[in-house]
């Protein structure tokens, strides 16, 4: 912060110069503060945009892995069933027998995709 400029003791012309100097210094300080705020705002916005891009990319990759696993095992646990101690992954009314580990993987991965419980079958299999 700049040192305090004492008020003049002289005539009106000195007072006008003093007021003009004060106004100039205030305007300089305001410009500096605006520049700092703009820099902080831009860097914060860039960081948030970068973070959002990473989150979207992770979500897309997670969905892609889920879809590939669904195709590979012939369905998902959300559409599957458990009968007589056997585990079945389901897809469009067709069931494929899978191991408990694969069934559990599909169920947990399904939870990571569908965080809302819109599928009534999903509520049957609790973690």
C-alpha atoms as a PDB file:
ATOM      1  CA  UNK A   1       0.000   0.000   0.000  1.00  0.00           C
ATOM      2  CA  UNK A   2       1.243   3.423  -0.863  1.00  0.00           C
ATOM      3  CA  UNK A   3       2.189   5.894   1.843  1.00  0.00           C
ATOM      4  CA  UNK A   4      -0.374   8.466   2.846  1.00  0.00           C
ATOM      5  CA  UNK A   5      -0.093  11.719   0.926  1.00  0.00           C
ATOM      6  CA  UNK A   6      -0.575  14.625   3.307  1.00  0.00           C
ATOM      7  CA  UNK A   7      -3.177  17.194   2.421  1.00  0.00           C
ATOM      8  CA  UNK A   8      -1.800  20.448   1.046  1.00  0.00           C
ATOM      9  CA  UNK A   9      -1.803  23.635   3.098  1.00  0.00           C
ATOM     10  CA  UNK A  10      -1.749  25.903   0.071  1.00  0.00           C
ATOM     11  CA  UNK A  11      -4.109  27.384  -2.421  1.00  0.00           C
ATOM     12  CA  UNK A  12      -6.886  25.842  -4.544  1.00  0.00           C
ATOM     13  CA  UNK A  13      -4.486  24.871  -7.338  1.00  0.00           C
ATOM     14  CA  UNK A  14      -2.473  22.689  -4.930  1.00  0.00           C
ATOM     15  CA  UNK A  15      -5.694  21.070  -3.722  1.00  0.00           C
ATOM     16  CA  UNK A  16      -6.690  20.242  -7.296  1.00  0.00           C
ATOM     17  CA  UNK A  17      -3.315  18.638  -8.019  1.00  0.00           C
ATOM     18  CA  UNK A  18      -3.556  16.694  -4.763  1.00  0.00           C
ATOM     19  CA  UNK A  19      -7.081  15.407  -5.627  1.00  0.00           C
ATOM     20  CA  UNK A  20      -5.999  14.496  -9.160  1.00  0.00           C
ATOM     21  CA  UNK A  21      -3.006  12.551  -7.808  1.00  0.00           C
ATOM     22  CA  UNK A  22      -5.243  10.698  -5.334  1.00  0.00           C
ATOM     23  CA  UNK A  23      -7.708   9.830  -8.118  1.00  0.00           C
ATOM     24  CA  UNK A  24      -4.865   8.595 -10.355  1.00  0.00           C
ATOM     25  CA  UNK A  25      -3.479   6.373  -7.584  1.00  0.00           C
ATOM     26  CA  UNK A  26      -6.954   4.965  -6.842  1.00  0.00           C
ATOM     27  CA  UNK A  27      -7.454   4.170 -10.529  1.00  0.00           C
ATOM     28  CA  UNK A  28      -4.044   2.433 -10.692  1.00  0.00           C
ATOM     29  CA  UNK A  29      -4.895   0.314  -7.643  1.00  0.00           C
ATOM     30  CA  UNK A  30      -8.270  -0.584  -9.133  1.00  0.00           C
ATOM     31  CA  UNK A  31      -6.636  -1.633 -12.435  1.00  0.00           C
ATOM     32  CA  UNK A  32      -4.109  -3.806 -10.589  1.00  0.00           C
ATOM     33  CA  UNK A  33      -6.861  -5.465  -8.557  1.00  0.00           C
ATOM     34  CA  UNK A  34      -8.959  -6.124 -11.671  1.00  0.00           C
ATOM     35  CA  UNK A  35      -5.936  -7.648 -13.432  1.00  0.00           C
ATOM     36  CA  UNK A  36      -5.275  -9.947 -10.484  1.00  0.00           C
ATOM     37  CA  UNK A  37      -8.936 -10.990 -10.308  1.00  0.00           C
ATOM     38  CA  UNK A  38      -9.002 -11.697 -14.047  1.00  0.00           C
ATOM     39  CA  UNK A  39      -5.880 -13.842 -13.795  1.00  0.00           C
ATOM     40  CA  UNK A  40      -7.310 -15.802 -10.879  1.00  0.00           C
ATOM     41  CA  UNK A  41     -10.650 -16.153 -12.593  1.00  0.00           C
ATOM     42  CA  UNK A  42      -9.124 -17.428 -15.831  1.00  0.00           C
ATOM     43  CA  UNK A  43      -6.887 -19.949 -14.105  1.00  0.00           C
ATOM     44  CA  UNK A  44      -9.734 -21.160 -11.902  1.00  0.00           C
ATOM     45  CA  UNK A  45     -11.999 -21.530 -14.938  1.00  0.00           C
ATOM     46  CA  UNK A  46      -9.334 -23.424 -16.852  1.00  0.00           C
ATOM     47  CA  UNK A  47      -8.798 -25.790 -13.919  1.00  0.00           C
ATOM     48  CA  UNK A  48     -12.525 -26.453 -13.602  1.00  0.00           C
ATOM     49  CA  UNK A  49     -12.863 -27.053 -17.350  1.00  0.00           C
ATOM     50  CA  UNK A  50      -9.913 -29.452 -17.247  1.00  0.00           C
ATOM     51  CA  UNK A  51     -11.403 -31.317 -14.290  1.00  0.00           C
ATOM     52  CA  UNK A  52     -14.775 -31.601 -16.013  1.00  0.00           C
ATOM     53  CA  UNK A  53     -13.112 -32.959 -19.157  1.00  0.00           C
ATOM     54  CA  UNK A  54     -11.303 -35.592 -17.085  1.00  0.00           C
ATOM     55  CA  UNK A  55     -14.528 -36.595 -15.307  1.00  0.00           C
ATOM     56  CA  UNK A  56     -16.378 -36.912 -18.622  1.00  0.00           C
ATOM     57  CA  UNK A  57     -13.524 -38.959 -20.104  1.00  0.00           C
ATOM     58  CA  UNK A  58     -13.504 -41.299 -17.088  1.00  0.00           C
ATOM     59  CA  UNK A  59     -17.272 -41.717 -17.330  1.00  0.00           C
ATOM     60  CA  UNK A  60     -17.060 -42.479 -21.043  1.00  0.00           C
ATOM     61  CA  UNK A  61     -14.236 -44.990 -20.492  1.00  0.00           C
ATOM     62  CA  UNK A  62     -16.182 -46.626 -17.644  1.00  0.00           C
ATOM     63  CA  UNK A  63     -19.289 -46.993 -19.805  1.00  0.00           C
ATOM     64  CA  UNK A  64     -17.208 -48.387 -22.684  1.00  0.00           C
ATOM     65  CA  UNK A  65     -15.635 -50.994 -20.372  1.00  0.00           C
ATOM     66  CA  UNK A  66     -19.089 -51.895 -19.026  1.00  0.00           C
ATOM     67  CA  UNK A  67     -20.466 -52.318 -22.544  1.00  0.00           C
ATOM     68  CA  UNK A  68     -17.484 -54.433 -23.660  1.00  0.00           C
ATOM     69  CA  UNK A  69     -17.808 -56.660 -20.577  1.00  0.00           C
ATOM     70  CA  UNK A  70     -21.560 -56.960 -21.199  1.00  0.00           C
ATOM     71  CA  UNK A  71     -20.915 -58.122 -24.768  1.00  0.00           C
ATOM     72  CA  UNK A  72     -18.102 -60.475 -23.707  1.00  0.00           C
ATOM     73  CA  UNK A  73     -20.055 -62.301 -20.981  1.00  0.00           C
ATOM     74  CA  UNK A  74     -23.390 -62.246 -22.779  1.00  0.00           C
ATOM     75  CA  UNK A  75     -25.252 -59.819 -20.538  1.00  0.00           C
ATOM     76  CA  UNK A  76     -25.153 -58.088 -17.204  1.00  0.00           C
ATOM     77  CA  UNK A  77     -26.036 -58.974 -13.645  1.00  0.00           C
ATOM     78  CA  UNK A  78     -28.668 -56.221 -13.612  1.00  0.00           C
ATOM     79  CA  UNK A  79     -30.613 -58.172 -16.225  1.00  0.00           C
ATOM     80  CA  UNK A  80     -29.528 -61.548 -14.906  1.00  0.00           C
ATOM     81  CA  UNK A  81     -30.778 -63.888 -12.218  1.00  0.00           C
ATOM     82  CA  UNK A  82     -29.683 -66.346  -9.551  1.00  0.00           C
ATOM     83  CA  UNK A  83     -31.371 -69.759  -9.591  1.00  0.00           C
ATOM     84  CA  UNK A  84     -30.375 -72.821  -7.632  1.00  0.00           C
ATOM     85  CA  UNK A  85     -26.987 -71.407  -6.708  1.00  0.00           C
ATOM     86  CA  UNK A  86     -26.135 -70.693 -10.349  1.00  0.00           C
ATOM     87  CA  UNK A  87     -25.538 -67.209 -11.659  1.00  0.00           C
ATOM     88  CA  UNK A  88     -26.831 -65.979 -14.998  1.00  0.00           C
ATOM     89  CA  UNK A  89     -26.037 -62.757 -16.828  1.00  0.00           C
ATOM     90  CA  UNK A  90     -28.988 -61.594 -18.873  1.00  0.00           C
ATOM     91  CA  UNK A  91     -29.380 -59.639 -22.079  1.00  0.00           C
ATOM     92  CA  UNK A  92     -32.653 -59.175 -23.990  1.00  0.00           C
ATOM     93  CA  UNK A  93     -34.283 -62.209 -22.325  1.00  0.00           C
ATOM     94  CA  UNK A  94     -31.349 -64.552 -23.002  1.00  0.00           C
ATOM     95  CA  UNK A  95     -29.302 -65.824 -20.080  1.00  0.00           C
ATOM     96  CA  UNK A  96     -25.689 -66.961 -19.959  1.00  0.00           C
ATOM     97  CA  UNK A  97     -24.329 -68.890 -16.987  1.00  0.00           C
ATOM     98  CA  UNK A  98     -21.332 -67.146 -15.402  1.00  0.00           C
ATOM     99  CA  UNK A  99     -19.229 -67.647 -12.300  1.00  0.00           C
ATOM    100  CA  UNK A 100     -20.073 -65.856  -9.064  1.00  0.00           C
ATOM    101  CA  UNK A 101     -16.972 -63.661  -9.456  1.00  0.00           C
ATOM    102  CA  UNK A 102     -18.012 -62.532 -12.951  1.00  0.00           C
ATOM    103  CA  UNK A 103     -21.584 -61.988 -11.762  1.00  0.00           C
ATOM    104  CA  UNK A 104     -20.355 -59.890  -8.808  1.00  0.00           C
ATOM    105  CA  UNK A 105     -18.040 -57.904 -11.086  1.00  0.00           C
ATOM    106  CA  UNK A 106     -20.899 -57.175 -13.469  1.00  0.00           C
ATOM    107  CA  UNK A 107     -23.182 -56.188 -10.595  1.00  0.00           C
ATOM    108  CA  UNK A 108     -20.641 -53.807  -9.020  1.00  0.00           C
ATOM    109  CA  UNK A 109     -19.666 -52.333 -12.378  1.00  0.00           C
ATOM    110  CA  UNK A 110     -23.360 -51.855 -13.086  1.00  0.00           C
ATOM    111  CA  UNK A 111     -23.680 -49.842  -9.879  1.00  0.00           C
ATOM    112  CA  UNK A 112     -20.844 -47.623 -11.033  1.00  0.00           C
ATOM    113  CA  UNK A 113     -22.715 -46.960 -14.281  1.00  0.00           C
ATOM    114  CA  UNK A 114     -26.251 -46.657 -13.034  1.00  0.00           C
ATOM    115  CA  UNK A 115     -25.942 -44.707  -9.796  1.00  0.00           C
ATOM    116  CA  UNK A 116     -29.672 -44.150  -9.638  1.00  0.00           C
ATOM    117  CA  UNK A 117     -31.839 -47.132  -8.878  1.00  0.00           C
ATOM    118  CA  UNK A 118     -34.140 -46.778 -11.867  1.00  0.00           C
ATOM    119  CA  UNK A 119     -33.917 -50.496 -12.634  1.00  0.00           C
ATOM    120  CA  UNK A 120     -36.093 -52.489 -10.247  1.00  0.00           C
ATOM    121  CA  UNK A 121     -33.931 -55.619 -10.696  1.00  0.00           C
ATOM    122  CA  UNK A 122     -30.860 -53.696  -9.518  1.00  0.00           C
ATOM    123  CA  UNK A 123     -32.335 -53.279  -6.029  1.00  0.00           C
ATOM    124  CA  UNK A 124     -32.435 -57.075  -5.554  1.00  0.00           C
ATOM    125  CA  UNK A 125     -28.657 -57.360  -5.452  1.00  0.00           C
ATOM    126  CA  UNK A 126     -27.259 -55.302  -2.626  1.00  0.00           C
ATOM    127  CA  UNK A 127     -23.543 -54.806  -2.098  1.00  0.00           C
END
